[in-house]
């Protein structure tokens, strides 16, 4: 099925914006809800917000994880994860970083997508930067999530499968999983209709799949050729 072409046909592309494009996030977080990462603390932040905690950690190369206490609005950046404890009301996250070769290849792939404008690329970048927050996956291994995708998909539970795929993407950045994520979003119907949220995520996911695609054959599949 020509997924990419189908999405392009229904999305109204915005006017091109002249700006320096970001293709692959340097760093992003993978969330573990109701979890405390004990120890390995950097300087804590108090009277702050969850988003500020994420941004502060991502901006500091020394920060590889954090725990945010939702009740106390306190952020505890960390140099790593030494110990994981269950803690209701705390949200923890690990930082994942993009591979240099994937980032370099994305520059070439972008040139092949000249029919897309900067707003389209920005939409894909934003989804890639937020995928680990949208789909918390910290407690599970990649194999567990991939098995869950197959199981839910086989049983027609496309929304659940999509969430598992998002979680697996956050830990791997896999082009194949990005394509599955797009396909699963296109499979979700509410009252028989494909909702704009899922259509837009599918579109952004396809761009992410193409930018990370290693082989010409895979990239042709994304484009629907």
Protein backbone atom coordinates (compact mmCIF):
# COMPACT_ATOMS: atom_id res chain seq x y z
CA UNK A 1 0.00 0.00 0.00
CA UNK A 2 1.34 3.43 -0.92
CA UNK A 3 1.28 4.89 2.59
CA UNK A 4 3.51 7.87 1.96
CA UNK A 5 1.78 8.85 -1.25
CA UNK A 6 -1.62 8.48 0.38
CA UNK A 7 -0.69 10.82 3.21
CA UNK A 8 0.80 13.39 0.84
CA UNK A 9 -2.47 13.39 -1.08
CA UNK A 10 -4.57 14.33 1.95
CA UNK A 11 -2.24 16.68 3.82
CA UNK A 12 -2.19 20.34 2.87
CA UNK A 13 1.51 21.21 2.88
CA UNK A 14 2.32 24.52 4.54
CA UNK A 15 4.26 27.33 2.86
CA UNK A 16 7.98 26.72 2.83
CA UNK A 17 9.94 28.51 5.55
CA UNK A 18 13.55 29.53 5.07
CA UNK A 19 15.34 28.26 8.16
CA UNK A 20 18.14 26.03 9.26
CA UNK A 21 16.55 22.60 9.43
CA UNK A 22 17.09 20.11 12.22
CA UNK A 23 16.68 16.53 11.04
CA UNK A 24 17.62 14.15 13.86
CA UNK A 25 17.47 15.21 17.53
CA UNK A 26 20.86 15.03 19.23
CA UNK A 27 19.31 13.82 22.50
CA UNK A 28 15.87 12.77 23.71
CA UNK A 29 14.38 11.18 26.81
CA UNK A 30 12.78 7.80 27.43
CA UNK A 31 10.32 7.99 30.30
CA UNK A 32 9.67 5.60 33.20
CA UNK A 33 6.52 6.59 35.14
CA UNK A 34 6.20 6.05 38.89
CA UNK A 35 9.92 5.38 39.13
CA UNK A 36 12.79 6.92 41.09
CA UNK A 37 16.36 6.76 39.81
CA UNK A 38 18.26 6.73 43.09
CA UNK A 39 21.73 8.25 43.33
CA UNK A 40 24.18 9.73 40.77
CA UNK A 41 22.77 13.21 41.41
CA UNK A 42 23.86 16.46 39.84
CA UNK A 43 22.65 19.82 41.20
CA UNK A 44 18.89 19.57 41.92
CA UNK A 45 16.32 22.12 40.78
CA UNK A 46 13.39 23.12 43.00
CA UNK A 47 10.12 24.95 42.33
CA UNK A 48 10.31 23.98 38.68
CA UNK A 49 8.27 22.09 36.09
CA UNK A 50 8.55 18.72 34.38
CA UNK A 51 9.22 20.33 30.99
CA UNK A 52 11.90 22.59 32.49
CA UNK A 53 13.49 19.51 34.04
CA UNK A 54 13.58 17.73 30.67
CA UNK A 55 15.00 20.78 28.88
CA UNK A 56 17.67 21.36 31.54
CA UNK A 57 18.84 17.76 31.33
CA UNK A 58 18.91 17.70 27.53
CA UNK A 59 20.92 20.93 27.48
CA UNK A 60 23.60 19.49 29.80
CA UNK A 61 25.83 16.83 28.23
CA UNK A 62 26.71 15.55 31.72
CA UNK A 63 23.05 14.80 32.43
CA UNK A 64 22.15 11.28 31.35
CA UNK A 65 18.93 10.86 33.34
CA UNK A 66 16.66 12.59 35.81
CA UNK A 67 13.89 12.04 38.32
CA UNK A 68 11.09 14.58 38.68
CA UNK A 69 9.04 14.60 41.89
CA UNK A 70 5.58 15.71 40.75
CA UNK A 71 4.30 16.47 44.25
CA UNK A 72 7.23 18.74 45.13
CA UNK A 73 8.00 20.13 41.67
CA UNK A 74 11.60 19.09 42.18
CA UNK A 75 14.03 17.96 39.48
CA UNK A 76 17.02 15.72 40.16
CA UNK A 77 19.36 15.55 37.14
CA UNK A 78 21.74 12.58 37.18
CA UNK A 79 24.94 11.39 35.58
CA UNK A 80 23.39 7.97 34.97
CA UNK A 81 21.10 5.32 36.40
CA UNK A 82 22.53 3.41 39.35
CA UNK A 83 19.32 2.14 40.90
CA UNK A 84 15.64 2.02 39.93
CA UNK A 85 12.94 2.05 42.61
CA UNK A 86 9.17 2.14 42.37
CA UNK A 87 7.96 5.56 43.52
CA UNK A 88 4.39 6.69 42.93
CA UNK A 89 4.30 10.31 41.87
CA UNK A 90 7.81 10.41 40.45
CA UNK A 91 8.64 10.43 36.75
CA UNK A 92 12.11 9.43 35.66
CA UNK A 93 13.77 9.42 32.27
CA UNK A 94 16.99 8.34 30.61
CA UNK A 95 18.70 10.31 27.86
CA UNK A 96 19.33 8.61 24.53
CA UNK A 97 21.65 10.07 21.89
CA UNK A 98 21.62 9.90 18.09
CA UNK A 99 24.32 8.01 16.25
CA UNK A 100 26.67 10.22 14.23
CA UNK A 101 26.32 8.09 11.09
CA UNK A 102 22.52 8.30 11.18
CA UNK A 103 22.69 12.08 11.50
CA UNK A 104 25.15 12.36 8.62
CA UNK A 105 23.09 10.11 6.34
CA UNK A 106 19.95 12.11 7.11
CA UNK A 107 21.48 15.14 5.40
CA UNK A 108 21.67 13.16 2.16
CA UNK A 109 18.20 11.71 2.62
CA UNK A 110 16.78 15.22 3.12
CA UNK A 111 18.01 16.25 -0.32
CA UNK A 112 16.00 13.37 -1.77
CA UNK A 113 12.85 14.80 -0.14
CA UNK A 114 13.01 18.15 -1.88
CA UNK A 115 9.23 18.08 -2.42
CA UNK A 116 8.79 18.53 1.35
CA UNK A 117 9.08 21.96 2.91
CA UNK A 118 10.72 23.02 6.15
CA UNK A 119 7.45 22.85 8.09
CA UNK A 120 7.05 19.18 7.16
CA UNK A 121 10.60 18.44 8.33
CA UNK A 122 10.03 20.39 11.54
CA UNK A 123 6.92 18.30 12.21
CA UNK A 124 8.93 15.11 11.85
CA UNK A 125 11.74 16.43 14.04
CA UNK A 126 9.28 17.42 16.77
CA UNK A 127 7.76 13.93 16.83
CA UNK A 128 11.21 12.34 17.03
CA UNK A 129 12.17 14.65 19.89
CA UNK A 130 8.98 13.84 21.82
CA UNK A 131 8.48 10.14 21.01
CA UNK A 132 9.94 8.93 24.32
CA UNK A 133 7.58 11.22 26.23
CA UNK A 134 4.51 10.29 24.21
CA UNK A 135 5.09 6.57 24.75
CA UNK A 136 6.73 5.77 28.09
CA UNK A 137 8.83 2.65 27.63
CA UNK A 138 11.52 2.74 30.31
CA UNK A 139 10.49 -0.45 32.17
CA UNK A 140 10.44 -2.72 29.08
CA UNK A 141 13.12 -4.23 26.87
CA UNK A 142 13.06 -3.68 23.12
CA UNK A 143 12.33 -7.39 22.53
CA UNK A 144 9.34 -7.23 24.89
CA UNK A 145 7.96 -4.23 23.04
CA UNK A 146 8.48 -5.77 19.60
CA UNK A 147 6.65 -8.91 20.74
CA UNK A 148 3.83 -6.73 22.06
CA UNK A 149 3.57 -4.93 18.71
CA UNK A 150 3.17 -8.21 16.84
CA UNK A 151 0.65 -9.57 19.34
CA UNK A 152 -1.54 -6.44 19.37
CA UNK A 153 -1.36 -6.05 15.61
CA UNK A 154 -2.39 -9.67 15.03
CA UNK A 155 -5.43 -9.10 17.25
CA UNK A 156 -6.46 -5.87 15.53
CA UNK A 157 -5.47 -3.71 18.51
CA UNK A 158 -3.81 -1.10 16.35
CA UNK A 159 -3.75 1.75 18.85
CA UNK A 160 -2.08 -0.40 21.49
CA UNK A 161 0.38 -1.72 18.89
CA UNK A 162 1.12 1.87 17.85
CA UNK A 163 1.99 2.84 21.43
CA UNK A 164 4.33 -0.12 21.80
CA UNK A 165 5.97 0.80 18.50
CA UNK A 166 6.48 4.36 19.73
CA UNK A 167 8.14 3.05 22.87
CA UNK A 168 10.46 0.80 20.88
CA UNK A 169 11.37 3.68 18.56
CA UNK A 170 12.40 5.80 21.52
CA UNK A 171 14.98 3.19 22.51
CA UNK A 172 16.22 2.23 19.04
CA UNK A 173 15.46 4.96 16.48
CA UNK A 174 14.81 2.10 14.03
CA UNK A 175 13.69 3.13 10.55
CA UNK A 176 11.62 -0.05 10.28
CA UNK A 177 9.81 0.74 13.52
CA UNK A 178 9.16 4.29 12.34
CA UNK A 179 7.47 2.85 9.26
CA UNK A 180 5.43 0.44 11.37
CA UNK A 181 4.41 3.35 13.60
CA UNK A 182 3.18 5.22 10.53
CA UNK A 183 1.25 2.22 9.24
CA UNK A 184 -0.34 1.59 12.64
CA UNK A 185 -1.46 5.21 12.95
CA UNK A 186 -3.11 4.88 9.54
CA UNK A 187 -4.89 1.74 10.75
CA UNK A 188 -6.56 3.44 13.72
CA UNK A 189 -10.15 4.47 13.06
CA UNK A 190 -12.54 6.30 15.37
CA UNK A 191 -16.16 6.04 14.30
CA UNK A 192 -14.87 4.64 11.04
CA UNK A 193 -12.75 7.71 10.32
CA UNK A 194 -9.01 8.31 10.30
CA UNK A 195 -8.47 11.17 12.74
CA UNK A 196 -6.17 14.09 11.96
CA UNK A 197 -3.95 13.30 14.98
CA UNK A 198 -3.13 9.87 13.62
CA UNK A 199 -2.82 11.08 10.03
CA UNK A 200 -0.36 13.79 11.07
CA UNK A 201 1.68 11.38 13.17
CA UNK A 202 1.79 8.93 10.29
CA UNK A 203 3.06 11.64 7.96
CA UNK A 204 5.79 12.71 10.40
CA UNK A 205 6.71 9.09 11.10
CA UNK A 206 7.16 8.36 7.40
CA UNK A 207 9.58 11.24 7.08
CA UNK A 208 11.52 9.92 10.08
CA UNK A 209 11.57 6.44 8.54
CA UNK A 210 12.95 7.79 5.26
CA UNK A 211 15.62 9.93 6.91
CA UNK A 212 16.90 6.88 8.79
CA UNK A 213 16.46 4.34 6.00
CA UNK A 214 19.72 2.58 5.15
CA UNK A 215 18.84 0.94 1.85
CA UNK A 216 17.35 2.37 -1.36
CA UNK A 217 14.81 -0.48 -1.36
CA UNK A 218 13.55 0.46 2.08
CA UNK A 219 13.29 4.14 1.16
CA UNK A 220 11.37 3.20 -1.99
CA UNK A 221 8.94 1.26 0.22
CA UNK A 222 8.40 4.34 2.37
CA UNK A 223 7.67 6.46 -0.68
CA UNK A 224 5.21 3.85 -1.92
CA UNK A 225 7.00 3.04 -5.16
